[in-house]
PDB file of all heavy atoms in Angstrom:
ATOM      1  N   ASP A   1       8.923  -5.053  12.201  1.00  0.00           N
ATOM      2  CA  ASP A   1      10.340  -5.313  12.210  1.00  0.00           C
ATOM      3  C   ASP A   1      10.700  -5.634  13.719  1.00  0.00           C
ATOM      4  O   ASP A   1      11.463  -6.511  14.012  1.00  0.00           O
ATOM      5  CB  ASP A   1      11.124  -4.180  11.606  1.00  0.00           C
ATOM      6  CG  ASP A   1      12.434  -4.611  11.057  1.00  0.00           C
ATOM      7  OD1 ASP A   1      12.801  -5.858  11.048  1.00  0.00           O
ATOM      8  OD2 ASP A   1      13.144  -3.814  10.533  1.00  0.00           O
ATOM      9  N   ILE A   2      10.193  -4.842  14.643  1.00  0.00           N
ATOM     10  CA  ILE A   2      10.460  -4.906  16.016  1.00  0.00           C
ATOM     11  C   ILE A   2       9.858  -6.154  16.596  1.00  0.00           C
ATOM     12  O   ILE A   2      10.547  -6.972  17.297  1.00  0.00           O
ATOM     13  CB  ILE A   2      10.106  -3.681  16.843  1.00  0.00           C
ATOM     14  CG1 ILE A   2      10.989  -2.441  16.336  1.00  0.00           C
ATOM     15  CG2 ILE A   2      10.259  -3.927  18.278  1.00  0.00           C
ATOM     16  CD1 ILE A   2      10.524  -1.101  16.896  1.00  0.00           C
ATOM     17  N   HIS A   3       8.504  -6.340  16.472  1.00  0.00           N
ATOM     18  CA  HIS A   3       7.857  -7.218  17.289  1.00  0.00           C
ATOM     19  C   HIS A   3       7.558  -8.604  16.642  1.00  0.00           C
ATOM     20  O   HIS A   3       7.417  -9.604  17.393  1.00  0.00           O
ATOM     21  CB  HIS A   3       6.394  -6.678  17.681  1.00  0.00           C
ATOM     22  CG  HIS A   3       6.582  -5.378  18.494  1.00  0.00           C
ATOM     23  ND1 HIS A   3       7.219  -5.279  19.600  1.00  0.00           N
ATOM     24  CD2 HIS A   3       6.162  -4.112  18.017  1.00  0.00           C
ATOM     25  CE1 HIS A   3       7.169  -3.988  20.016  1.00  0.00           C
ATOM     26  NE2 HIS A   3       6.564  -3.293  19.062  1.00  0.00           N
ATOM     27  N   VAL A   4       7.699  -8.620  15.378  1.00  0.00           N
ATOM     28  CA  VAL A   4       7.514  -9.934  14.613  1.00  0.00           C
ATOM     29  C   VAL A   4       8.922 -10.516  14.258  1.00  0.00           C
ATOM     30  O   VAL A   4       9.226 -11.622  14.507  1.00  0.00           O
ATOM     31  CB  VAL A   4       6.672  -9.840  13.360  1.00  0.00           C
ATOM     32  CG1 VAL A   4       6.569 -11.174  12.617  1.00  0.00           C
ATOM     33  CG2 VAL A   4       5.191  -9.363  13.762  1.00  0.00           C
ATOM     34  N   ASN A   5       9.740  -9.617  13.668  1.00  0.00           N
ATOM     35  CA  ASN A   5      11.111  -9.986  13.279  1.00  0.00           C
ATOM     36  C   ASN A   5      12.056 -10.002  14.368  1.00  0.00           C
ATOM     37  O   ASN A   5      13.055 -10.741  14.348  1.00  0.00           O
ATOM     38  CB  ASN A   5      11.667  -9.106  12.177  1.00  0.00           C
ATOM     39  CG  ASN A   5      10.924  -9.375  10.811  1.00  0.00           C
ATOM     40  OD1 ASN A   5      10.285 -10.400  10.640  1.00  0.00           O
ATOM     41  ND2 ASN A   5      10.962  -8.294  10.032  1.00  0.00           N
ATOM     42  N   GLY A   6      11.702  -9.339  15.567  1.00  0.00           N
ATOM     43  CA  GLY A   6      12.585  -9.322  16.660  1.00  0.00           C
ATOM     44  C   GLY A   6      13.808  -8.485  16.644  1.00  0.00           C
ATOM     45  O   GLY A   6      14.678  -8.690  17.423  1.00  0.00           O
ATOM     46  N   HIS A   7      13.768  -7.562  15.740  1.00  0.00           N
ATOM     47  CA  HIS A   7      14.987  -6.668  15.638  1.00  0.00           C
ATOM     48  C   HIS A   7      14.957  -5.507  16.677  1.00  0.00           C
ATOM     49  O   HIS A   7      13.880  -4.828  16.836  1.00  0.00           O
ATOM     50  CB  HIS A   7      15.013  -6.089  14.264  1.00  0.00           C
ATOM     51  CG  HIS A   7      15.221  -7.135  13.171  1.00  0.00           C
ATOM     52  ND1 HIS A   7      14.831  -6.908  11.916  1.00  0.00           N
ATOM     53  CD2 HIS A   7      15.816  -8.365  13.224  1.00  0.00           C
ATOM     54  CE1 HIS A   7      15.140  -8.050  11.178  1.00  0.00           C
ATOM     55  NE2 HIS A   7      15.849  -8.920  12.008  1.00  0.00           N
ATOM     56  N   ARG A   8      15.945  -5.321  17.429  1.00  0.00           N
ATOM     57  CA  ARG A   8      16.008  -4.372  18.564  1.00  0.00           C
ATOM     58  C   ARG A   8      16.980  -3.178  18.275  1.00  0.00           C
ATOM     59  O   ARG A   8      17.100  -2.396  19.315  1.00  0.00           O
ATOM     60  CB  ARG A   8      16.368  -5.127  19.869  1.00  0.00           C
ATOM     61  CG  ARG A   8      15.560  -6.253  20.190  1.00  0.00           C
ATOM     62  CD  ARG A   8      14.073  -5.887  20.472  1.00  0.00           C
ATOM     63  NE  ARG A   8      14.067  -5.096  21.779  1.00  0.00           N
ATOM     64  CZ  ARG A   8      12.925  -4.511  22.247  1.00  0.00           C
ATOM     65  NH1 ARG A   8      11.766  -4.637  21.437  1.00  0.00           N
ATOM     66  NH2 ARG A   8      12.927  -3.851  23.232  1.00  0.00           N
ATOM     67  N   ASP A   9      17.581  -3.092  17.229  1.00  0.00           N
ATOM     68  CA  ASP A   9      18.431  -1.880  16.751  1.00  0.00           C
ATOM     69  C   ASP A   9      17.367  -0.868  16.294  1.00  0.00           C
ATOM     70  O   ASP A   9      16.986  -0.867  15.189  1.00  0.00           O
ATOM     71  CB  ASP A   9      19.485  -2.274  15.805  1.00  0.00           C
ATOM     72  CG  ASP A   9      20.273  -1.098  15.401  1.00  0.00           C
ATOM     73  OD1 ASP A   9      19.869   0.076  15.612  1.00  0.00           O
ATOM     74  OD2 ASP A   9      21.408  -1.303  14.909  1.00  0.00           O
ATOM     75  N   PHE A  10      16.965   0.019  17.304  1.00  0.00           N
ATOM     76  CA  PHE A  10      15.817   0.905  16.923  1.00  0.00           C
ATOM     77  C   PHE A  10      16.171   1.984  15.898  1.00  0.00           C
ATOM     78  O   PHE A  10      15.353   2.402  15.198  1.00  0.00           O
ATOM     79  CB  PHE A  10      15.318   1.533  18.279  1.00  0.00           C
ATOM     80  CG  PHE A  10      14.724   0.556  19.239  1.00  0.00           C
ATOM     81  CD1 PHE A  10      14.998   0.696  20.596  1.00  0.00           C
ATOM     82  CD2 PHE A  10      13.932  -0.383  18.757  1.00  0.00           C
ATOM     83  CE1 PHE A  10      14.434  -0.209  21.454  1.00  0.00           C
ATOM     84  CE2 PHE A  10      13.327  -1.399  19.651  1.00  0.00           C
ATOM     85  CZ  PHE A  10      13.628  -1.235  20.975  1.00  0.00           C
ATOM     86  N   GLU A  11      17.375   2.342  15.801  1.00  0.00           N
ATOM     87  CA  GLU A  11      17.718   3.236  14.775  1.00  0.00           C
ATOM     88  C   GLU A  11      17.734   2.535  13.418  1.00  0.00           C
ATOM     89  O   GLU A  11      17.124   3.047  12.501  1.00  0.00           O
ATOM     90  CB  GLU A  11      19.197   3.781  15.050  1.00  0.00           C
ATOM     91  CG  GLU A  11      19.554   4.754  13.949  1.00  0.00           C
ATOM     92  CD  GLU A  11      20.922   5.369  14.167  1.00  0.00           C
ATOM     93  OE1 GLU A  11      21.497   5.337  15.263  1.00  0.00           O
ATOM     94  OE2 GLU A  11      21.472   6.060  13.208  1.00  0.00           O
ATOM     95  N   ALA A  12      18.246   1.387  13.350  1.00  0.00           N
ATOM     96  CA  ALA A  12      18.250   0.715  12.069  1.00  0.00           C
ATOM     97  C   ALA A  12      16.670   0.366  11.641  1.00  0.00           C
ATOM     98  O   ALA A  12      16.387   0.500  10.449  1.00  0.00           O
ATOM     99  CB  ALA A  12      19.004  -0.567  12.117  1.00  0.00           C
ATOM    100  N   VAL A  13      15.882  -0.168  12.570  1.00  0.00           N
ATOM    101  CA  VAL A  13      14.529  -0.403  12.142  1.00  0.00           C
ATOM    102  C   VAL A  13      13.812   0.769  11.721  1.00  0.00           C
ATOM    103  O   VAL A  13      12.895   0.716  10.869  1.00  0.00           O
ATOM    104  CB  VAL A  13      13.720  -1.254  13.227  1.00  0.00           C
ATOM    105  CG1 VAL A  13      14.499  -2.578  13.572  1.00  0.00           C
ATOM    106  CG2 VAL A  13      13.668  -0.436  14.529  1.00  0.00           C
ATOM    107  N   SER A  14      14.064   1.972  12.342  1.00  0.00           N
ATOM    108  CA  SER A  14      13.433   3.157  11.964  1.00  0.00           C
ATOM    109  C   SER A  14      13.733   3.564  10.556  1.00  0.00           C
ATOM    110  O   SER A  14      12.976   3.995   9.766  1.00  0.00           O
ATOM    111  CB  SER A  14      13.850   4.346  12.956  1.00  0.00           C
ATOM    112  OG  SER A  14      13.422   4.012  14.243  1.00  0.00           O
ATOM    113  N   ARG A  15      15.069   3.426  10.226  1.00  0.00           N
ATOM    114  CA  ARG A  15      15.562   3.762   8.915  1.00  0.00           C
ATOM    115  C   ARG A  15      14.910   2.827   7.840  1.00  0.00           C
ATOM    116  O   ARG A  15      14.409   3.198   6.838  1.00  0.00           O
ATOM    117  CB  ARG A  15      17.033   3.664   8.867  1.00  0.00           C
ATOM    118  CG  ARG A  15      17.737   4.729   9.635  1.00  0.00           C
ATOM    119  CD  ARG A  15      19.214   4.709   9.425  1.00  0.00           C
ATOM    120  NE  ARG A  15      19.936   5.735  10.281  1.00  0.00           N
ATOM    121  CZ  ARG A  15      20.065   6.967   9.974  1.00  0.00           C
ATOM    122  NH1 ARG A  15      19.579   7.471   8.811  1.00  0.00           N
ATOM    123  NH2 ARG A  15      20.643   7.847  10.803  1.00  0.00           N
ATOM    124  N   ARG A  16      14.858   1.480   8.206  1.00  0.00           N
ATOM    125  CA  ARG A  16      14.267   0.482   7.169  1.00  0.00           C
ATOM    126  C   ARG A  16      12.761   0.877   6.992  1.00  0.00           C
ATOM    127  O   ARG A  16      12.251   0.797   5.843  1.00  0.00           O
ATOM    128  CB  ARG A  16      14.401  -0.896   7.677  1.00  0.00           C
ATOM    129  CG  ARG A  16      15.845  -1.449   7.523  1.00  0.00           C
ATOM    130  CD  ARG A  16      15.777  -3.053   7.670  1.00  0.00           C
ATOM    131  NE  ARG A  16      15.456  -3.435   8.964  1.00  0.00           N
ATOM    132  CZ  ARG A  16      16.401  -3.598   9.998  1.00  0.00           C
ATOM    133  NH1 ARG A  16      17.633  -3.330   9.772  1.00  0.00           N
ATOM    134  NH2 ARG A  16      16.011  -4.051  11.177  1.00  0.00           N
ATOM    135  N   ALA A  17      12.013   1.138   8.062  1.00  0.00           N
ATOM    136  CA  ALA A  17      10.659   1.397   7.952  1.00  0.00           C
ATOM    137  C   ALA A  17      10.370   2.696   7.059  1.00  0.00           C
ATOM    138  O   ALA A  17       9.430   2.740   6.339  1.00  0.00           O
ATOM    139  CB  ALA A  17      10.000   1.567   9.287  1.00  0.00           C
ATOM    140  N   LEU A  18      11.217   3.650   7.246  1.00  0.00           N
ATOM    141  CA  LEU A  18      10.987   4.948   6.394  1.00  0.00           C
ATOM    142  C   LEU A  18      11.240   4.542   5.009  1.00  0.00           C
ATOM    143  O   LEU A  18      10.500   4.978   4.125  1.00  0.00           O
ATOM    144  CB  LEU A  18      12.036   6.015   6.929  1.00  0.00           C
ATOM    145  CG  LEU A  18      11.747   6.630   8.194  1.00  0.00           C
ATOM    146  CD1 LEU A  18      12.963   7.470   8.702  1.00  0.00           C
ATOM    147  CD2 LEU A  18      10.459   7.466   8.184  1.00  0.00           C
ATOM    148  N   VAL A  19      12.311   3.855   4.666  1.00  0.00           N
ATOM    149  CA  VAL A  19      12.566   3.551   3.233  1.00  0.00           C
ATOM    150  C   VAL A  19      11.475   2.704   2.659  1.00  0.00           C
ATOM    151  O   VAL A  19      11.021   2.842   1.637  1.00  0.00           O
ATOM    152  CB  VAL A  19      13.997   2.766   3.176  1.00  0.00           C
ATOM    153  CG1 VAL A  19      14.113   2.208   1.770  1.00  0.00           C
ATOM    154  CG2 VAL A  19      15.119   3.718   3.509  1.00  0.00           C
ATOM    155  N   GLU A  20      10.965   1.717   3.563  1.00  0.00           N
ATOM    156  CA  GLU A  20       9.846   0.836   3.093  1.00  0.00           C
ATOM    157  C   GLU A  20       8.616   1.602   2.589  1.00  0.00           C
ATOM    158  O   GLU A  20       7.980   1.219   1.644  1.00  0.00           O
ATOM    159  CB  GLU A  20       9.560  -0.135   4.176  1.00  0.00           C
ATOM    160  CG  GLU A  20       8.440  -1.225   3.781  1.00  0.00           C
ATOM    161  CD  GLU A  20       8.197  -2.164   4.810  1.00  0.00           C
ATOM    162  OE1 GLU A  20       9.096  -2.500   5.630  1.00  0.00           O
ATOM    163  OE2 GLU A  20       7.010  -2.585   5.018  1.00  0.00           O
ATOM    164  N   ILE A  21       8.319   2.796   3.193  1.00  0.00           N
ATOM    165  CA  ILE A  21       7.155   3.470   2.966  1.00  0.00           C
ATOM    166  C   ILE A  21       7.405   4.718   2.011  1.00  0.00           C
ATOM    167  O   ILE A  21       6.557   5.463   1.830  1.00  0.00           O
ATOM    168  CB  ILE A  21       6.309   3.904   4.267  1.00  0.00           C
ATOM    169  CG1 ILE A  21       7.219   4.937   5.009  1.00  0.00           C
ATOM    170  CG2 ILE A  21       5.972   2.666   5.055  1.00  0.00           C
ATOM    171  CD1 ILE A  21       6.326   5.624   6.133  1.00  0.00           C
ATOM    172  N   GLY A  22       8.672   4.716   1.647  1.00  0.00           N
ATOM    173  CA  GLY A  22       8.996   5.749   0.552  1.00  0.00           C
ATOM    174  C   GLY A  22       9.357   7.118   1.208  1.00  0.00           C
ATOM    175  O   GLY A  22       9.181   8.102   0.481  1.00  0.00           O
ATOM    176  N   LEU A  23       9.770   7.203   2.484  1.00  0.00           N
ATOM    177  CA  LEU A  23      10.232   8.414   3.062  1.00  0.00           C
ATOM    178  C   LEU A  23      11.751   8.436   3.279  1.00  0.00           C
ATOM    179  O   LEU A  23      12.400   7.360   3.210  1.00  0.00           O
ATOM    180  CB  LEU A  23       9.489   8.715   4.405  1.00  0.00           C
ATOM    181  CG  LEU A  23       8.092   8.895   4.318  1.00  0.00           C
ATOM    182  CD1 LEU A  23       7.476   9.024   5.784  1.00  0.00           C
ATOM    183  CD2 LEU A  23       7.661  10.038   3.447  1.00  0.00           C
ATOM    184  N   ASP A  24      12.257   9.544   3.375  1.00  0.00           N
ATOM    185  CA  ASP A  24      13.708   9.705   3.450  1.00  0.00           C
ATOM    186  C   ASP A  24      14.261   9.296   4.915  1.00  0.00           C
ATOM    187  O   ASP A  24      13.741   9.802   5.847  1.00  0.00           O
ATOM    188  CB  ASP A  24      14.101  11.260   3.197  1.00  0.00           C
ATOM    189  CG  ASP A  24      15.636  11.514   3.096  1.00  0.00           C
ATOM    190  OD1 ASP A  24      16.370  10.755   3.725  1.00  0.00           O
ATOM    191  OD2 ASP A  24      15.903  12.270   2.152  1.00  0.00           O
ATOM    192  N   GLU A  25      15.154   8.419   4.946  1.00  0.00           N
ATOM    193  CA  GLU A  25      15.643   7.931   6.186  1.00  0.00           C
ATOM    194  C   GLU A  25      16.433   8.941   7.010  1.00  0.00           C
ATOM    195  O   GLU A  25      16.685   8.788   8.192  1.00  0.00           O
ATOM    196  CB  GLU A  25      16.600   6.682   6.020  1.00  0.00           C
ATOM    197  CG  GLU A  25      17.863   6.911   5.331  1.00  0.00           C
ATOM    198  CD  GLU A  25      18.687   5.730   5.142  1.00  0.00           C
ATOM    199  OE1 GLU A  25      19.375   5.370   6.135  1.00  0.00           O
ATOM    200  OE2 GLU A  25      18.699   5.134   4.128  1.00  0.00           O
ATOM    201  N   SER A  26      16.675  10.078   6.466  1.00  0.00           N
ATOM    202  CA  SER A  26      17.298  11.250   7.199  1.00  0.00           C
ATOM    203  C   SER A  26      16.440  11.649   8.386  1.00  0.00           C
ATOM    204  O   SER A  26      16.938  12.360   9.220  1.00  0.00           O
ATOM    205  CB  SER A  26      17.643  12.378   6.362  1.00  0.00           C
ATOM    206  OG  SER A  26      16.473  13.006   5.871  1.00  0.00           O
ATOM    207  N   LEU A  27      15.156  11.325   8.354  1.00  0.00           N
ATOM    208  CA  LEU A  27      14.229  11.642   9.483  1.00  0.00           C
ATOM    209  C   LEU A  27      14.784  11.045  10.811  1.00  0.00           C
ATOM    210  O   LEU A  27      14.496  11.574  11.884  1.00  0.00           O
ATOM    211  CB  LEU A  27      12.763  11.226   9.160  1.00  0.00           C
ATOM    212  CG  LEU A  27      12.108  12.077   8.165  1.00  0.00           C
ATOM    213  CD1 LEU A  27      10.670  11.476   7.851  1.00  0.00           C
ATOM    214  CD2 LEU A  27      11.922  13.531   8.579  1.00  0.00           C
ATOM    215  N   VAL A  28      15.497   9.960  10.658  1.00  0.00           N
ATOM    216  CA  VAL A  28      16.105   9.379  11.770  1.00  0.00           C
ATOM    217  C   VAL A  28      17.249  10.246  12.463  1.00  0.00           C
ATOM    218  O   VAL A  28      17.325  10.295  13.709  1.00  0.00           O
ATOM    219  CB  VAL A  28      16.599   7.963  11.500  1.00  0.00           C
ATOM    220  CG1 VAL A  28      17.250   7.263  12.782  1.00  0.00           C
ATOM    221  CG2 VAL A  28      15.439   7.117  11.150  1.00  0.00           C
ATOM    222  N   ASP A  29      17.944  10.930  11.596  1.00  0.00           N
ATOM    223  CA  ASP A  29      18.905  11.855  12.075  1.00  0.00           C
ATOM    224  C   ASP A  29      18.290  12.971  12.946  1.00  0.00           C
ATOM    225  O   ASP A  29      18.710  13.342  14.067  1.00  0.00           O
ATOM    226  CB  ASP A  29      19.709  12.448  10.921  1.00  0.00           C
ATOM    227  CG  ASP A  29      20.389  11.457  10.109  1.00  0.00           C
ATOM    228  OD1 ASP A  29      20.927  10.489  10.716  1.00  0.00           O
ATOM    229  OD2 ASP A  29      20.566  11.690   8.845  1.00  0.00           O
ATOM    230  N   ASP A  30      17.092  13.457  12.524  1.00  0.00           N
ATOM    231  CA  ASP A  30      16.331  14.403  13.289  1.00  0.00           C
ATOM    232  C   ASP A  30      15.835  13.654  14.655  1.00  0.00           C
ATOM    233  O   ASP A  30      15.813  14.350  15.667  1.00  0.00           O
ATOM    234  CB  ASP A  30      15.130  14.912  12.509  1.00  0.00           C
ATOM    235  CG  ASP A  30      15.535  15.857  11.325  1.00  0.00           C
ATOM    236  OD1 ASP A  30      16.575  16.397  11.446  1.00  0.00           O
ATOM    237  OD2 ASP A  30      14.753  15.920  10.437  1.00  0.00           O
ATOM    238  N   ALA A  31      15.467  12.422  14.503  1.00  0.00           N
ATOM    239  CA  ALA A  31      14.897  11.801  15.647  1.00  0.00           C
ATOM    240  C   ALA A  31      16.078  11.485  16.790  1.00  0.00           C
ATOM    241  O   ALA A  31      15.721  11.232  17.919  1.00  0.00           O
ATOM    242  CB  ALA A  31      14.329  10.403  15.319  1.00  0.00           C
TER     243      ALA A  31
END
């Protein structure tokens, strides 16, 4: 998402990646 798609909103890409692999996006709140 960051390096191929060029997305630089690091909070948003972190949330999308968590959802994509089946984890809870609330881990970003901890991050």
